[in-house]
Structures are given as structure tokens and as C-alpha cells.
Amino acid sequence: MLRIAQSIAGLYLIVALVVTVITLAQGPLLGGAPLGGILDGAVGREPVTISIAYGSEKDAWLKAAAAEFAATNPRVQGRSIEVRLEPVGSREIVTRIVQDDLRPTVVSPASSVQIELLRSEWQVRTNTDIYLSGADAPQPLVLTPLVVVAWEERASMLGINNPDQLWDEIHRLVVSDQGWAQVAGQSGAWANLDRPTPPPRIAASRHWWC
């Protein structure tokens, strides 16, 4: 299933790159925003360069998709197209763009959280929106499911068959200093919720033991 999802995502990325190049050939995308104007100052038959700043979690399949795209010898108006990949921490992407230290054509952080954070911080700094809107608004390349696995007895108490109730109950469990006793009146081995977090420098994931 993961291989199929990665293949679909890779194909989508290739199509997105083609559309991006065609659009860029007709003029800048974002006016004065740092993600646009890739063709400004182009001379002669210099290649069209598309730079992608991305979260390192996507490294393997992005490199595979870029290699597949390059193998098609892509060109626009007689100019070759080069894709340059730059793995960057997702939070670092936001910080560097806002500080005008990073000017990629495409940003692809770990999640939509960083997309919205970039929108917010750019708005505060410049009083403008960094993204286009409507049909041209940013679209996700990959949708990652959030999976909940629990013992049946505990899952039933959390309301596993009702997604809205489930997340409300998990939130109660996370913020409560009484753990399961707050949610289900349980004690003993059920009393606490363990929240181990992997080192943030090597992983963006998070898991909880319920």
C-alpha cells in the first residue's frame, strides 16, 4: 500500500512540475513574494531551474520522482528543465523564507502545519499573503493517515467508532494529570498516559502509549 501511495505521489509531483514550468514560462507566479519570479533575468538558452525545499522525510521518493522526471528530458520553449532538491528542516523552511534567506520555487514541508505557519509569519512581516488563493492555492502532494491502535477495551471507552468523540477523549486523556482515571475511572496500570517523543532533530513523528 505504501509503495502504491509513493508511486501515485511521484506521478503527481511530475505532473505538478510540468504544470509549474508551463505557468512560469508565462510569467511570475507570486509577484513580489519570494516563491515566484523564477524566470526573471533569464538569458538565452539557460535551463529553467525549479528549486524544491522539502522536509527530509520525503527524501527517498522525491529523489526518485525527480530522477524519473529528468529521464524524460523535459524542456519548455526549447530550454531544459532542472530540478534542484534541497532537504531542509520543516521549521527551518519557514524561518529562512521569512528572513529572505531561502527563495525556493516550491516548498514541501512535513505537514500543513508549517504551510500555515509560513502564511502567518509572512503576513505579519509583510502584510501580504505569500500564497495564491482559490484554484491556485497550495495543494498537498501526499496525505498521510493518522492511525490509532489500542486495546479493544480501552478503544471502546475512547469511542473508537465515533471519530469526533475519539479525538475529544484523547485530548482529555493527554491534558489530564489523572490519566485514564479522568476518562474511564480506571486506576492502577491504566492510571497514566506515556508520551514518549523521538528526538526532534531526527524525527518529526510522535506516538503515545495508551
N, C-alpha and C. Protein backbone atom coordinates (compact mmCIF):
# COMPACT_ATOMS: atom_id res chain seq x y z
N MET A 1 0.83 -1.21 0.00
CA MET A 1 0.00 0.00 0.00
C MET A 1 0.87 1.26 0.00
N LEU A 2 1.96 1.21 0.82
CA LEU A 2 2.85 2.37 0.89
C LEU A 2 3.53 2.60 -0.45
N ARG A 3 3.94 1.50 -1.14
CA ARG A 3 4.60 1.63 -2.43
C ARG A 3 3.66 2.26 -3.46
N ILE A 4 2.38 1.84 -3.42
CA ILE A 4 1.39 2.41 -4.35
C ILE A 4 1.22 3.89 -4.08
N ALA A 5 1.11 4.26 -2.79
CA ALA A 5 0.93 5.67 -2.43
C ALA A 5 2.12 6.50 -2.88
N GLN A 6 3.33 5.94 -2.71
CA GLN A 6 4.53 6.68 -3.12
C GLN A 6 4.57 6.84 -4.64
N SER A 7 4.14 5.80 -5.38
CA SER A 7 4.13 5.88 -6.84
C SER A 7 3.15 6.94 -7.31
N ILE A 8 1.96 6.96 -6.69
CA ILE A 8 0.96 7.97 -7.05
C ILE A 8 1.48 9.36 -6.74
N ALA A 9 2.12 9.50 -5.56
CA ALA A 9 2.66 10.80 -5.17
C ALA A 9 3.76 11.24 -6.13
N GLY A 10 4.60 10.29 -6.55
CA GLY A 10 5.66 10.63 -7.50
C GLY A 10 5.10 11.08 -8.83
N LEU A 11 4.07 10.39 -9.33
CA LEU A 11 3.43 10.78 -10.58
C LEU A 11 2.80 12.16 -10.45
N TYR A 12 2.15 12.39 -9.31
CA TYR A 12 1.53 13.70 -9.08
C TYR A 12 2.58 14.80 -9.09
N LEU A 13 3.73 14.52 -8.47
CA LEU A 13 4.80 15.52 -8.43
C LEU A 13 5.30 15.85 -9.83
N ILE A 14 5.45 14.83 -10.66
CA ILE A 14 5.92 15.06 -12.03
C ILE A 14 4.94 15.93 -12.78
N VAL A 15 3.64 15.61 -12.67
CA VAL A 15 2.62 16.42 -13.33
C VAL A 15 2.65 17.84 -12.80
N ALA A 16 2.79 17.98 -11.47
CA ALA A 16 2.83 19.31 -10.86
C ALA A 16 4.01 20.12 -11.37
N LEU A 17 5.16 19.46 -11.54
CA LEU A 17 6.34 20.15 -12.05
C LEU A 17 6.13 20.64 -13.48
N VAL A 18 5.51 19.79 -14.30
CA VAL A 18 5.24 20.20 -15.68
C VAL A 18 4.33 21.41 -15.72
N VAL A 19 3.24 21.36 -14.92
CA VAL A 19 2.31 22.49 -14.87
C VAL A 19 3.01 23.74 -14.36
N THR A 20 3.87 23.57 -13.35
CA THR A 20 4.60 24.71 -12.79
C THR A 20 5.49 25.36 -13.84
N VAL A 21 6.20 24.54 -14.59
CA VAL A 21 7.11 25.08 -15.61
C VAL A 21 6.33 25.84 -16.68
N ILE A 22 5.22 25.26 -17.14
CA ILE A 22 4.41 25.93 -18.16
C ILE A 22 3.91 27.27 -17.65
N THR A 23 3.46 27.28 -16.39
CA THR A 23 2.95 28.51 -15.78
C THR A 23 4.06 29.55 -15.66
N LEU A 24 5.23 29.11 -15.21
CA LEU A 24 6.35 30.03 -15.03
C LEU A 24 6.81 30.62 -16.35
N ALA A 25 6.68 29.85 -17.40
CA ALA A 25 7.11 30.35 -18.71
C ALA A 25 6.26 31.51 -19.18
N GLN A 26 5.07 31.65 -18.59
CA GLN A 26 4.16 32.72 -18.98
C GLN A 26 4.29 33.94 -18.08
N GLY A 27 5.05 33.83 -17.01
CA GLY A 27 5.24 34.98 -16.13
C GLY A 27 5.37 34.54 -14.69
N PRO A 28 5.80 35.44 -13.78
CA PRO A 28 5.95 35.12 -12.38
C PRO A 28 4.64 34.70 -11.75
N LEU A 29 4.75 33.81 -10.77
CA LEU A 29 3.56 33.30 -10.09
C LEU A 29 3.08 34.22 -8.98
N LEU A 30 4.01 34.73 -8.19
CA LEU A 30 3.61 35.37 -6.95
C LEU A 30 4.04 36.83 -6.85
N GLY A 31 4.30 37.47 -7.96
CA GLY A 31 4.66 38.88 -7.88
C GLY A 31 5.91 39.08 -7.05
N GLY A 32 5.77 39.86 -5.96
CA GLY A 32 6.92 40.18 -5.13
C GLY A 32 7.23 39.15 -4.08
N ALA A 33 6.42 38.09 -3.97
CA ALA A 33 6.67 37.07 -2.96
C ALA A 33 7.91 36.26 -3.34
N PRO A 34 8.64 35.70 -2.36
CA PRO A 34 9.92 35.05 -2.65
C PRO A 34 9.80 33.76 -3.41
N LEU A 35 8.60 33.17 -3.53
CA LEU A 35 8.47 31.90 -4.23
C LEU A 35 8.22 32.08 -5.71
N GLY A 36 8.19 33.29 -6.21
CA GLY A 36 7.87 33.50 -7.62
C GLY A 36 9.01 34.13 -8.38
N GLY A 37 8.74 34.46 -9.66
CA GLY A 37 9.71 35.17 -10.47
C GLY A 37 10.90 34.36 -10.88
N ILE A 38 10.72 33.05 -11.07
CA ILE A 38 11.87 32.20 -11.35
C ILE A 38 12.54 32.53 -12.68
N LEU A 39 11.76 33.07 -13.63
CA LEU A 39 12.32 33.33 -14.95
C LEU A 39 12.89 34.73 -15.10
N ASP A 40 12.76 35.56 -14.05
CA ASP A 40 13.28 36.91 -14.14
C ASP A 40 14.78 36.87 -14.41
N GLY A 41 15.22 37.64 -15.41
CA GLY A 41 16.65 37.73 -15.69
C GLY A 41 17.21 36.56 -16.47
N ALA A 42 16.35 35.68 -16.98
CA ALA A 42 16.85 34.54 -17.74
C ALA A 42 17.53 35.03 -19.02
N VAL A 43 18.63 34.38 -19.38
CA VAL A 43 19.39 34.79 -20.54
C VAL A 43 19.52 33.61 -21.50
N GLY A 44 19.25 33.88 -22.79
CA GLY A 44 19.48 32.88 -23.82
C GLY A 44 18.78 31.56 -23.54
N ARG A 45 19.56 30.48 -23.69
CA ARG A 45 19.02 29.14 -23.54
C ARG A 45 19.39 28.53 -22.20
N GLU A 46 19.56 29.34 -21.20
CA GLU A 46 19.86 28.81 -19.88
C GLU A 46 18.71 27.93 -19.42
N PRO A 47 18.99 26.89 -18.66
CA PRO A 47 17.92 25.99 -18.22
C PRO A 47 16.95 26.68 -17.26
N VAL A 48 15.74 26.21 -17.25
CA VAL A 48 14.77 26.64 -16.25
C VAL A 48 15.01 25.80 -15.00
N THR A 49 15.28 26.45 -13.90
CA THR A 49 15.59 25.74 -12.66
C THR A 49 14.43 25.82 -11.69
N ILE A 50 14.02 24.68 -11.20
CA ILE A 50 12.97 24.61 -10.18
C ILE A 50 13.62 24.10 -8.91
N SER A 51 13.64 24.92 -7.89
CA SER A 51 14.22 24.51 -6.61
C SER A 51 13.11 24.10 -5.66
N ILE A 52 13.31 22.98 -4.99
CA ILE A 52 12.31 22.45 -4.06
C ILE A 52 12.94 22.31 -2.69
N ALA A 53 12.46 23.09 -1.73
CA ALA A 53 12.88 22.94 -0.34
C ALA A 53 11.87 22.02 0.33
N TYR A 54 12.35 20.93 0.89
CA TYR A 54 11.42 19.91 1.38
C TYR A 54 11.88 19.30 2.69
N GLY A 55 10.91 18.78 3.44
CA GLY A 55 11.22 18.05 4.67
C GLY A 55 11.94 16.75 4.33
N SER A 56 12.97 16.42 5.08
CA SER A 56 13.81 15.27 4.75
C SER A 56 13.07 13.95 4.81
N GLU A 57 11.88 13.92 5.44
CA GLU A 57 11.09 12.68 5.50
C GLU A 57 10.74 12.19 4.09
N LYS A 58 10.69 13.12 3.14
CA LYS A 58 10.27 12.78 1.77
C LYS A 58 11.47 12.52 0.85
N ASP A 59 12.65 12.41 1.42
CA ASP A 59 13.87 12.39 0.63
C ASP A 59 13.88 11.29 -0.44
N ALA A 60 13.57 10.06 -0.06
CA ALA A 60 13.70 8.94 -0.99
C ALA A 60 12.77 9.07 -2.19
N TRP A 61 11.49 9.32 -1.91
CA TRP A 61 10.55 9.33 -3.05
C TRP A 61 10.64 10.61 -3.87
N LEU A 62 11.06 11.73 -3.25
CA LEU A 62 11.25 12.94 -4.04
C LEU A 62 12.43 12.79 -5.00
N LYS A 63 13.51 12.20 -4.52
CA LYS A 63 14.66 11.98 -5.39
C LYS A 63 14.30 11.03 -6.53
N ALA A 64 13.51 10.00 -6.22
CA ALA A 64 13.09 9.06 -7.25
C ALA A 64 12.20 9.75 -8.28
N ALA A 65 11.28 10.59 -7.81
CA ALA A 65 10.38 11.30 -8.72
C ALA A 65 11.15 12.29 -9.58
N ALA A 66 12.13 12.99 -8.98
CA ALA A 66 12.92 13.96 -9.74
C ALA A 66 13.76 13.26 -10.81
N ALA A 67 14.30 12.08 -10.46
CA ALA A 67 15.09 11.32 -11.43
C ALA A 67 14.21 10.84 -12.58
N GLU A 68 13.00 10.40 -12.26
CA GLU A 68 12.07 9.96 -13.30
C GLU A 68 11.69 11.12 -14.21
N PHE A 69 11.50 12.29 -13.62
CA PHE A 69 11.17 13.48 -14.39
C PHE A 69 12.34 13.87 -15.31
N ALA A 70 13.56 13.83 -14.77
CA ALA A 70 14.74 14.20 -15.55
C ALA A 70 14.95 13.25 -16.72
N ALA A 71 14.58 11.98 -16.53
CA ALA A 71 14.77 10.98 -17.58
C ALA A 71 13.91 11.24 -18.81
N THR A 72 12.89 12.07 -18.67
CA THR A 72 12.02 12.40 -19.81
C THR A 72 12.61 13.53 -20.65
N ASN A 73 13.79 14.04 -20.24
CA ASN A 73 14.44 15.17 -20.93
C ASN A 73 13.46 16.34 -21.09
N PRO A 74 12.93 16.83 -19.97
CA PRO A 74 11.89 17.86 -20.04
C PRO A 74 12.43 19.18 -20.57
N ARG A 75 11.63 19.85 -21.38
CA ARG A 75 12.02 21.15 -21.94
C ARG A 75 10.78 22.03 -22.03
N VAL A 76 11.01 23.34 -21.97
CA VAL A 76 9.94 24.29 -22.18
C VAL A 76 10.49 25.43 -23.04
N GLN A 77 9.82 25.70 -24.14
CA GLN A 77 10.26 26.72 -25.09
C GLN A 77 11.73 26.53 -25.47
N GLY A 78 12.12 25.27 -25.67
CA GLY A 78 13.47 24.95 -26.09
C GLY A 78 14.50 24.93 -24.99
N ARG A 79 14.10 25.22 -23.77
CA ARG A 79 15.04 25.26 -22.64
C ARG A 79 14.86 24.02 -21.77
N SER A 80 15.95 23.45 -21.34
CA SER A 80 15.88 22.28 -20.47
C SER A 80 15.40 22.68 -19.08
N ILE A 81 14.88 21.72 -18.35
CA ILE A 81 14.35 21.97 -17.01
C ILE A 81 15.19 21.20 -16.01
N GLU A 82 15.69 21.88 -15.02
CA GLU A 82 16.48 21.26 -13.95
C GLU A 82 15.73 21.37 -12.63
N VAL A 83 15.65 20.26 -11.93
CA VAL A 83 15.03 20.24 -10.60
C VAL A 83 16.13 20.11 -9.56
N ARG A 84 16.21 21.07 -8.68
CA ARG A 84 17.20 21.05 -7.61
C ARG A 84 16.49 20.81 -6.28
N LEU A 85 16.88 19.74 -5.62
CA LEU A 85 16.27 19.36 -4.35
C LEU A 85 17.14 19.83 -3.19
N GLU A 86 16.50 20.43 -2.21
CA GLU A 86 17.23 20.91 -1.03
C GLU A 86 16.50 20.46 0.23
N PRO A 87 16.99 19.39 0.89
CA PRO A 87 16.36 18.96 2.14
C PRO A 87 16.62 19.98 3.25
N VAL A 88 15.56 20.43 3.87
CA VAL A 88 15.65 21.44 4.92
C VAL A 88 14.67 21.07 6.02
N GLY A 89 15.04 21.32 7.26
CA GLY A 89 14.10 21.09 8.35
C GLY A 89 12.83 21.90 8.12
N SER A 90 11.68 21.31 8.42
CA SER A 90 10.41 21.96 8.09
C SER A 90 10.26 23.31 8.78
N ARG A 91 10.67 23.39 10.03
CA ARG A 91 10.60 24.69 10.73
C ARG A 91 11.62 25.66 10.16
N GLU A 92 12.76 25.12 9.74
CA GLU A 92 13.80 25.97 9.15
C GLU A 92 13.34 26.57 7.83
N ILE A 93 12.54 25.81 7.07
CA ILE A 93 12.00 26.33 5.81
C ILE A 93 11.25 27.63 6.08
N VAL A 94 10.38 27.60 7.09
CA VAL A 94 9.58 28.78 7.43
C VAL A 94 10.47 29.94 7.83
N THR A 95 11.39 29.68 8.75
CA THR A 95 12.26 30.74 9.28
C THR A 95 13.09 31.39 8.17
N ARG A 96 13.70 30.57 7.33
CA ARG A 96 14.60 31.11 6.31
C ARG A 96 13.85 31.88 5.22
N ILE A 97 12.66 31.42 4.87
CA ILE A 97 11.89 32.16 3.87
C ILE A 97 11.45 33.51 4.42
N VAL A 98 10.97 33.52 5.65
CA VAL A 98 10.53 34.77 6.27
C VAL A 98 11.70 35.74 6.39
N GLN A 99 12.90 35.22 6.65
CA GLN A 99 14.09 36.07 6.77
C GLN A 99 14.73 36.36 5.41
N ASP A 100 14.09 35.91 4.33
CA ASP A 100 14.58 36.11 2.97
C ASP A 100 15.94 35.47 2.75
N ASP A 101 16.17 34.35 3.44
CA ASP A 101 17.42 33.61 3.30
C ASP A 101 17.25 32.38 2.42
N LEU A 102 16.00 32.10 2.03
CA LEU A 102 15.70 30.94 1.20
C LEU A 102 14.60 31.34 0.22
N ARG A 103 14.85 31.12 -1.08
CA ARG A 103 13.89 31.53 -2.10
C ARG A 103 13.59 30.37 -3.06
N PRO A 104 12.97 29.32 -2.58
CA PRO A 104 12.67 28.17 -3.44
C PRO A 104 11.48 28.44 -4.35
N THR A 105 11.39 27.65 -5.41
CA THR A 105 10.21 27.70 -6.26
C THR A 105 9.05 26.98 -5.60
N VAL A 106 9.39 25.88 -4.93
CA VAL A 106 8.38 25.02 -4.29
C VAL A 106 8.80 24.74 -2.86
N VAL A 107 7.86 24.77 -1.94
CA VAL A 107 8.12 24.33 -0.58
C VAL A 107 7.25 23.10 -0.30
N SER A 108 7.85 22.12 0.34
CA SER A 108 7.13 20.89 0.68
C SER A 108 7.58 20.42 2.05
N PRO A 109 7.09 21.08 3.11
CA PRO A 109 7.49 20.70 4.47
C PRO A 109 6.80 19.41 4.91
N ALA A 110 7.02 19.06 6.17
CA ALA A 110 6.49 17.79 6.66
C ALA A 110 4.97 17.76 6.71
N SER A 111 4.35 18.89 6.98
CA SER A 111 2.89 18.88 7.11
C SER A 111 2.30 20.25 6.82
N SER A 112 0.98 20.31 6.81
CA SER A 112 0.29 21.57 6.56
C SER A 112 0.48 22.56 7.70
N VAL A 113 0.95 22.07 8.85
CA VAL A 113 1.20 22.97 9.98
C VAL A 113 2.22 24.03 9.57
N GLN A 114 3.31 23.60 8.92
CA GLN A 114 4.34 24.56 8.50
C GLN A 114 3.84 25.46 7.37
N ILE A 115 2.96 24.95 6.53
CA ILE A 115 2.39 25.78 5.47
C ILE A 115 1.62 26.95 6.07
N GLU A 116 0.79 26.65 7.07
CA GLU A 116 0.01 27.71 7.71
C GLU A 116 0.89 28.63 8.54
N LEU A 117 1.94 28.07 9.14
CA LEU A 117 2.87 28.89 9.92
C LEU A 117 3.59 29.88 9.01
N LEU A 118 3.99 29.43 7.84
CA LEU A 118 4.65 30.32 6.88
C LEU A 118 3.69 31.41 6.44
N ARG A 119 2.45 31.05 6.18
CA ARG A 119 1.46 32.06 5.79
C ARG A 119 1.32 33.12 6.88
N SER A 120 1.22 32.67 8.13
CA SER A 120 1.01 33.58 9.25
C SER A 120 2.21 34.50 9.47
N GLU A 121 3.42 33.92 9.49
CA GLU A 121 4.61 34.73 9.77
C GLU A 121 4.91 35.69 8.62
N TRP A 122 4.66 35.25 7.39
CA TRP A 122 4.87 36.15 6.25
C TRP A 122 3.87 37.30 6.29
N GLN A 123 2.63 37.01 6.67
CA GLN A 123 1.60 38.04 6.76
C GLN A 123 1.98 39.09 7.80
N VAL A 124 2.50 38.64 8.93
CA VAL A 124 2.92 39.56 9.99
C VAL A 124 4.07 40.43 9.51
N ARG A 125 5.01 39.84 8.79
CA ARG A 125 6.21 40.58 8.38
C ARG A 125 5.94 41.55 7.23
N THR A 126 5.09 41.16 6.29
CA THR A 126 4.94 41.95 5.07
C THR A 126 3.54 42.50 4.84
N ASN A 127 2.58 42.02 5.63
CA ASN A 127 1.17 42.40 5.45
C ASN A 127 0.66 41.97 4.07
N THR A 128 1.23 40.92 3.53
CA THR A 128 0.76 40.34 2.27
C THR A 128 0.66 38.83 2.44
N ASP A 129 -0.06 38.18 1.51
CA ASP A 129 -0.19 36.73 1.56
C ASP A 129 0.86 36.11 0.64
N ILE A 130 1.62 35.17 1.13
CA ILE A 130 2.68 34.56 0.35
C ILE A 130 2.15 33.55 -0.67
N TYR A 131 0.93 33.07 -0.47
CA TYR A 131 0.37 32.06 -1.37
C TYR A 131 -0.70 32.64 -2.27
N LEU A 132 -0.89 31.99 -3.40
CA LEU A 132 -2.04 32.28 -4.24
C LEU A 132 -3.28 31.67 -3.59
N SER A 133 -4.45 32.04 -4.07
CA SER A 133 -5.69 31.56 -3.46
C SER A 133 -6.56 30.88 -4.50
N GLY A 134 -7.71 30.40 -4.05
CA GLY A 134 -8.66 29.76 -4.96
C GLY A 134 -8.10 28.48 -5.55
N ALA A 135 -8.29 28.31 -6.86
CA ALA A 135 -7.83 27.09 -7.52
C ALA A 135 -6.31 26.96 -7.51
N ASP A 136 -5.60 28.08 -7.32
CA ASP A 136 -4.14 28.08 -7.32
C ASP A 136 -3.55 27.99 -5.92
N ALA A 137 -4.39 27.76 -4.92
CA ALA A 137 -3.90 27.64 -3.55
C ALA A 137 -3.04 26.39 -3.40
N PRO A 138 -2.14 26.36 -2.41
CA PRO A 138 -1.28 25.19 -2.21
C PRO A 138 -2.10 23.91 -2.05
N GLN A 139 -1.62 22.84 -2.65
CA GLN A 139 -2.28 21.54 -2.57
C GLN A 139 -1.30 20.52 -1.99
N PRO A 140 -1.78 19.59 -1.19
CA PRO A 140 -0.89 18.55 -0.64
C PRO A 140 -0.47 17.56 -1.70
N LEU A 141 0.79 17.14 -1.67
CA LEU A 141 1.27 16.09 -2.55
C LEU A 141 0.92 14.72 -2.00
N VAL A 142 0.93 14.60 -0.69
CA VAL A 142 0.69 13.31 -0.04
C VAL A 142 -0.19 13.54 1.17
N LEU A 143 -1.16 12.66 1.38
CA LEU A 143 -1.98 12.67 2.58
C LEU A 143 -1.60 11.45 3.41
N THR A 144 -1.11 11.69 4.61
CA THR A 144 -0.68 10.61 5.48
C THR A 144 -1.75 10.32 6.52
N PRO A 145 -2.24 9.10 6.60
CA PRO A 145 -3.28 8.79 7.59
C PRO A 145 -2.71 8.83 9.01
N LEU A 146 -3.55 9.27 9.92
CA LEU A 146 -3.20 9.24 11.34
C LEU A 146 -3.86 8.01 11.94
N VAL A 147 -3.08 7.08 12.43
CA VAL A 147 -3.58 5.77 12.84
C VAL A 147 -3.64 5.68 14.36
N VAL A 148 -4.75 5.16 14.86
CA VAL A 148 -4.91 4.91 16.29
C VAL A 148 -5.01 3.40 16.50
N VAL A 149 -4.14 2.86 17.32
CA VAL A 149 -4.17 1.44 17.67
C VAL A 149 -4.29 1.34 19.18
N ALA A 150 -5.27 0.58 19.65
CA ALA A 150 -5.50 0.49 21.09
C ALA A 150 -6.10 -0.86 21.44
N TRP A 151 -5.93 -1.26 22.70
CA TRP A 151 -6.63 -2.45 23.17
C TRP A 151 -8.14 -2.20 23.04
N GLU A 152 -8.88 -3.28 22.70
CA GLU A 152 -10.31 -3.13 22.43
C GLU A 152 -11.05 -2.48 23.59
N GLU A 153 -10.75 -2.90 24.81
CA GLU A 153 -11.46 -2.35 25.97
C GLU A 153 -11.22 -0.85 26.11
N ARG A 154 -9.99 -0.44 25.91
CA ARG A 154 -9.68 0.98 26.04
C ARG A 154 -10.24 1.77 24.85
N ALA A 155 -10.16 1.15 23.66
CA ALA A 155 -10.69 1.82 22.47
C ALA A 155 -12.18 2.09 22.60
N SER A 156 -12.92 1.13 23.16
CA SER A 156 -14.36 1.32 23.32
C SER A 156 -14.67 2.45 24.28
N MET A 157 -13.83 2.61 25.30
CA MET A 157 -14.04 3.70 26.25
C MET A 157 -13.72 5.06 25.63
N LEU A 158 -12.81 5.05 24.65
CA LEU A 158 -12.46 6.30 23.97
C LEU A 158 -13.45 6.66 22.87
N GLY A 159 -14.33 5.72 22.52
CA GLY A 159 -15.30 5.99 21.45
C GLY A 159 -14.69 5.81 20.08
N ILE A 160 -14.03 4.65 19.86
CA ILE A 160 -13.29 4.41 18.63
C ILE A 160 -14.17 4.49 17.39
N ASN A 161 -15.47 4.23 17.53
CA ASN A 161 -16.38 4.24 16.38
C ASN A 161 -16.93 5.62 16.07
N ASN A 162 -16.58 6.60 16.89
CA ASN A 162 -17.04 7.97 16.69
C ASN A 162 -15.81 8.88 16.64
N PRO A 163 -15.32 9.21 15.45
CA PRO A 163 -14.07 9.97 15.34
C PRO A 163 -14.06 11.27 16.14
N ASP A 164 -15.18 12.01 16.13
CA ASP A 164 -15.22 13.27 16.87
C ASP A 164 -15.05 13.02 18.36
N GLN A 165 -15.76 12.03 18.87
CA GLN A 165 -15.65 11.70 20.29
C GLN A 165 -14.25 11.18 20.61
N LEU A 166 -13.71 10.36 19.70
CA LEU A 166 -12.39 9.77 19.93
C LEU A 166 -11.34 10.84 20.19
N TRP A 167 -11.27 11.85 19.32
CA TRP A 167 -10.23 12.87 19.48
C TRP A 167 -10.49 13.76 20.69
N ASP A 168 -11.75 13.98 21.01
CA ASP A 168 -12.07 14.72 22.24
C ASP A 168 -11.58 13.97 23.46
N GLU A 169 -11.80 12.64 23.47
CA GLU A 169 -11.40 11.84 24.62
C GLU A 169 -9.88 11.71 24.71
N ILE A 170 -9.23 11.56 23.56
CA ILE A 170 -7.77 11.51 23.57
C ILE A 170 -7.19 12.83 24.09
N HIS A 171 -7.81 13.94 23.69
CA HIS A 171 -7.35 15.24 24.18
C HIS A 171 -7.51 15.32 25.69
N ARG A 172 -8.65 14.86 26.20
CA ARG A 172 -8.85 14.85 27.66
C ARG A 172 -7.79 14.00 28.34
N LEU A 173 -7.48 12.86 27.73
CA LEU A 173 -6.50 11.95 28.31
C LEU A 173 -5.11 12.57 28.33
N VAL A 174 -4.78 13.30 27.27
CA VAL A 174 -3.44 13.90 27.16
C VAL A 174 -3.25 15.03 28.16
N VAL A 175 -4.26 15.89 28.31
CA VAL A 175 -4.09 17.08 29.15
C VAL A 175 -4.36 16.81 30.62
N SER A 176 -4.96 15.67 30.94
CA SER A 176 -5.31 15.38 32.33
C SER A 176 -4.12 14.81 33.09
N ASP A 177 -3.92 15.29 34.31
CA ASP A 177 -2.87 14.72 35.15
C ASP A 177 -3.33 13.44 35.84
N GLN A 178 -4.61 13.07 35.64
CA GLN A 178 -5.15 11.85 36.24
C GLN A 178 -5.16 10.68 35.25
N GLY A 179 -4.80 10.94 34.01
CA GLY A 179 -4.73 9.88 33.02
C GLY A 179 -6.08 9.20 32.80
N TRP A 180 -6.05 7.87 32.74
CA TRP A 180 -7.26 7.11 32.45
C TRP A 180 -8.34 7.31 33.50
N ALA A 181 -7.96 7.62 34.71
CA ALA A 181 -8.96 7.84 35.76
C ALA A 181 -9.90 8.99 35.40
N GLN A 182 -9.39 9.98 34.68
CA GLN A 182 -10.20 11.12 34.26
C GLN A 182 -11.21 10.71 33.19
N VAL A 183 -10.81 9.78 32.31
CA VAL A 183 -11.66 9.40 31.19
C VAL A 183 -12.58 8.25 31.52
N ALA A 184 -12.04 7.22 32.16
CA ALA A 184 -12.82 5.99 32.34
C ALA A 184 -12.91 5.51 33.78
N GLY A 185 -12.36 6.29 34.70
CA GLY A 185 -12.43 5.89 36.10
C GLY A 185 -11.53 4.72 36.43
N GLN A 186 -10.55 4.45 35.59
CA GLN A 186 -9.65 3.32 35.83
C GLN A 186 -8.47 3.78 36.69
N SER A 187 -7.85 2.82 37.34
CA SER A 187 -6.69 3.12 38.17
C SER A 187 -5.62 2.06 37.91
N GLY A 188 -4.60 2.05 38.74
CA GLY A 188 -3.55 1.06 38.60
C GLY A 188 -2.76 1.24 37.33
N ALA A 189 -2.65 0.13 36.55
CA ALA A 189 -1.84 0.16 35.33
C ALA A 189 -2.39 1.11 34.29
N TRP A 190 -3.67 1.50 34.43
CA TRP A 190 -4.28 2.40 33.46
C TRP A 190 -4.16 3.86 33.88
N ALA A 191 -3.51 4.11 34.97
CA ALA A 191 -3.60 5.44 35.57
C ALA A 191 -2.93 6.53 34.74
N ASN A 192 -1.84 6.20 34.05
CA ASN A 192 -1.06 7.24 33.38
C ASN A 192 -1.00 7.03 31.87
N LEU A 193 -0.73 8.09 31.18
CA LEU A 193 -0.53 8.05 29.73
C LEU A 193 0.93 8.36 29.46
N ASP A 194 1.63 7.42 28.84
CA ASP A 194 3.03 7.64 28.49
C ASP A 194 3.10 8.36 27.16
N ARG A 195 3.93 9.39 27.09
CA ARG A 195 4.04 10.18 25.87
C ARG A 195 5.50 10.28 25.42
N PRO A 196 6.11 9.15 25.05
CA PRO A 196 7.50 9.23 24.57
C PRO A 196 7.57 9.99 23.26
N THR A 197 8.56 10.83 23.13
CA THR A 197 8.73 11.62 21.91
C THR A 197 10.13 11.39 21.35
N PRO A 198 10.24 11.01 20.07
CA PRO A 198 11.57 10.81 19.49
C PRO A 198 12.33 12.12 19.39
N PRO A 199 13.65 12.06 19.32
CA PRO A 199 14.44 13.29 19.21
C PRO A 199 13.99 14.13 18.02
N PRO A 200 13.62 15.39 18.23
CA PRO A 200 13.09 16.22 17.14
C PRO A 200 14.08 16.48 16.02
N ARG A 201 15.38 16.29 16.27
CA ARG A 201 16.37 16.54 15.22
C ARG A 201 16.43 15.40 14.20
N ILE A 202 15.89 14.22 14.57
CA ILE A 202 15.97 13.09 13.65
C ILE A 202 14.61 12.55 13.26
N ALA A 203 13.52 13.04 13.87
CA ALA A 203 12.19 12.52 13.53
C ALA A 203 11.14 13.57 13.82
N ALA A 204 10.15 13.64 12.93
CA ALA A 204 9.05 14.58 13.12
C ALA A 204 7.81 13.87 13.65
N SER A 205 7.91 12.56 13.84
CA SER A 205 6.75 11.78 14.26
C SER A 205 6.57 11.85 15.77
N ARG A 206 5.42 11.43 16.21
CA ARG A 206 5.13 11.38 17.64
C ARG A 206 4.18 10.23 17.90
N HIS A 207 4.39 9.50 18.98
CA HIS A 207 3.47 8.42 19.31
C HIS A 207 3.21 8.43 20.81
N TRP A 208 2.03 7.98 21.18
CA TRP A 208 1.64 7.91 22.58
C TRP A 208 1.26 6.47 22.91
N TRP A 209 1.61 6.04 24.09
CA TRP A 209 1.20 4.72 24.56
C TRP A 209 -0.01 4.89 25.46
N CYS A 210 -1.15 4.35 25.01
CA CYS A 210 -2.38 4.48 25.79
C CYS A 210 -2.70 3.19 26.54
